[in-house]
Amino acid sequence: MRVESHTCSYWLILACAFVGAATFAFFAITLIVQAVSGHGSHAGNILRVGLGFVSLFLGIFFVAVGTLYVISFDEADGNEFR
């Protein structure tokens, strides 16, 4: 018998993963635009670009983990535990 009481929380986790990814993408774009526009010193711009790429990959990681988390609870009808 499947427990249906927690299905809303699965979608909440997915929504939070996408919100986190959007936040990291915003930070990445902001840092890279600041570096391209020459907002600071040469070393500071290198740091901004590096942090921008790390932030971008963290956003992709959040989307991947959130999506895989929700997919892991989608069971086929023939594979249910009884």
C-alpha atoms as a PDB file:
ATOM      1  CA  MET A   1       0.000   0.000   0.000  1.00  0.00           C
ATOM      2  CA  ARG A   2       1.421   3.361  -1.009  1.00  0.00           C
ATOM      3  CA  VAL A   3       1.530   6.277   1.343  1.00  0.00           C
ATOM      4  CA  GLU A   4       0.057   9.328  -0.394  1.00  0.00           C
ATOM      5  CA  SER A   5       0.344  11.772   2.493  1.00  0.00           C
ATOM      6  CA  HIS A   6       3.785  13.109   1.547  1.00  0.00           C
ATOM      7  CA  THR A   7       3.310  13.719  -2.185  1.00  0.00           C
ATOM      8  CA  CYS A   8       3.042  17.475  -1.644  1.00  0.00           C
ATOM      9  CA  SER A   9       6.421  17.551   0.083  1.00  0.00           C
ATOM     10  CA  TYR A  10       8.085  15.929  -2.946  1.00  0.00           C
ATOM     11  CA  TRP A  11       6.910  18.766  -5.164  1.00  0.00           C
ATOM     12  CA  LEU A  12       7.883  21.317  -2.525  1.00  0.00           C
ATOM     13  CA  ILE A  13      11.438  19.940  -2.539  1.00  0.00           C
ATOM     14  CA  LEU A  14      11.531  20.156  -6.328  1.00  0.00           C
ATOM     15  CA  ALA A  15      10.249  23.736  -6.248  1.00  0.00           C
ATOM     16  CA  CYS A  16      12.855  24.704  -3.638  1.00  0.00           C
ATOM     17  CA  ALA A  17      15.574  23.088  -5.766  1.00  0.00           C
ATOM     18  CA  PHE A  18      14.558  25.214  -8.744  1.00  0.00           C
ATOM     19  CA  VAL A  19      14.383  28.373  -6.608  1.00  0.00           C
ATOM     20  CA  GLY A  20      17.878  27.627  -5.271  1.00  0.00           C
ATOM     21  CA  ALA A  21      19.136  27.017  -8.799  1.00  0.00           C
ATOM     22  CA  ALA A  22      17.640  30.298  -9.989  1.00  0.00           C
ATOM     23  CA  THR A  23      19.301  32.118  -7.102  1.00  0.00           C
ATOM     24  CA  PHE A  24      22.692  30.616  -7.897  1.00  0.00           C
ATOM     25  CA  ALA A  25      22.218  31.403 -11.604  1.00  0.00           C
ATOM     26  CA  PHE A  26      21.411  35.029 -10.734  1.00  0.00           C
ATOM     27  CA  PHE A  27      24.579  35.282  -8.625  1.00  0.00           C
ATOM     28  CA  ALA A  28      26.617  33.674 -11.402  1.00  0.00           C
ATOM     29  CA  ILE A  29      25.324  36.074 -14.038  1.00  0.00           C
ATOM     30  CA  THR A  30      25.854  39.057 -11.739  1.00  0.00           C
ATOM     31  CA  LEU A  31      29.438  38.069 -10.922  1.00  0.00           C
ATOM     32  CA  ILE A  32      30.350  37.374 -14.549  1.00  0.00           C
ATOM     33  CA  VAL A  33      28.796  40.651 -15.771  1.00  0.00           C
ATOM     34  CA  GLN A  34      30.724  42.552 -13.098  1.00  0.00           C
ATOM     35  CA  ALA A  35      33.954  40.880 -14.192  1.00  0.00           C
ATOM     36  CA  VAL A  36      33.337  41.594 -17.871  1.00  0.00           C
ATOM     37  CA  SER A  37      32.542  45.240 -17.173  1.00  0.00           C
ATOM     38  CA  GLY A  38      35.809  45.610 -15.234  1.00  0.00           C
ATOM     39  CA  HIS A  39      34.274  46.288 -11.837  1.00  0.00           C
ATOM     40  CA  GLY A  40      37.462  45.660  -9.863  1.00  0.00           C
ATOM     41  CA  SER A  41      41.091  44.705 -10.100  1.00  0.00           C
ATOM     42  CA  HIS A  42      42.434  41.961 -12.342  1.00  0.00           C
ATOM     43  CA  ALA A  43      42.702  39.484  -9.460  1.00  0.00           C
ATOM     44  CA  GLY A  44      39.207  40.400  -8.276  1.00  0.00           C
ATOM     45  CA  ASN A  45      37.786  39.803 -11.741  1.00  0.00           C
ATOM     46  CA  ILE A  46      39.420  36.386 -11.902  1.00  0.00           C
ATOM     47  CA  LEU A  47      37.865  35.578  -8.542  1.00  0.00           C
ATOM     48  CA  ARG A  48      34.465  36.824  -9.720  1.00  0.00           C
ATOM     49  CA  VAL A  49      34.569  34.663 -12.849  1.00  0.00           C
ATOM     50  CA  GLY A  50      35.643  31.626 -10.825  1.00  0.00           C
ATOM     51  CA  LEU A  51      32.898  32.138  -8.248  1.00  0.00           C
ATOM     52  CA  GLY A  52      30.415  32.708 -11.066  1.00  0.00           C
ATOM     53  CA  PHE A  53      31.226  29.355 -12.648  1.00  0.00           C
ATOM     54  CA  VAL A  54      31.125  27.579  -9.274  1.00  0.00           C
ATOM     55  CA  SER A  55      27.759  29.185  -8.589  1.00  0.00           C
ATOM     56  CA  LEU A  56      26.467  28.124 -11.990  1.00  0.00           C
ATOM     57  CA  PHE A  57      27.493  24.516 -11.408  1.00  0.00           C
ATOM     58  CA  LEU A  58      25.892  24.563  -7.937  1.00  0.00           C
ATOM     59  CA  GLY A  59      22.650  25.682  -9.545  1.00  0.00           C
ATOM     60  CA  ILE A  60      22.827  22.817 -12.038  1.00  0.00           C
ATOM     61  CA  PHE A  61      23.556  20.456  -9.149  1.00  0.00           C
ATOM     62  CA  PHE A  62      20.461  21.651  -7.254  1.00  0.00           C
ATOM     63  CA  VAL A  63      18.236  21.084 -10.290  1.00  0.00           C
ATOM     64  CA  ALA A  64      19.694  17.620 -10.874  1.00  0.00           C
ATOM     65  CA  VAL A  65      19.362  16.494  -7.263  1.00  0.00           C
ATOM     66  CA  GLY A  66      15.851  17.910  -6.869  1.00  0.00           C
ATOM     67  CA  THR A  67      14.672  16.308 -10.095  1.00  0.00           C
ATOM     68  CA  LEU A  68      16.220  12.945  -9.277  1.00  0.00           C
ATOM     69  CA  TYR A  69      14.688  13.080  -5.804  1.00  0.00           C
ATOM     70  CA  VAL A  70      11.188  13.493  -7.220  1.00  0.00           C
ATOM     71  CA  ILE A  71      11.751  10.904  -9.949  1.00  0.00           C
ATOM     72  CA  SER A  72      12.903   8.388  -7.354  1.00  0.00           C
ATOM     73  CA  PHE A  73       9.392   8.351  -5.869  1.00  0.00           C
ATOM     74  CA  ASP A  74       7.631   7.729  -9.188  1.00  0.00           C
ATOM     75  CA  GLU A  75       7.030   4.011  -9.076  1.00  0.00           C
ATOM     76  CA  ALA A  76       5.486   1.995 -11.841  1.00  0.00           C
ATOM     77  CA  ASP A  77       2.244   0.212 -10.960  1.00  0.00           C
ATOM     78  CA  GLY A  78       3.881  -3.198 -11.273  1.00  0.00           C
ATOM     79  CA  ASN A  79       6.776  -2.303  -8.966  1.00  0.00           C
ATOM     80  CA  GLU A  80       4.806  -1.331  -5.873  1.00  0.00           C
ATOM     81  CA  PHE A  81       5.695  -2.803  -2.502  1.00  0.00           C
ATOM     82  CA  ARG A  82       2.806  -4.628  -0.873  1.00  0.00           C
END
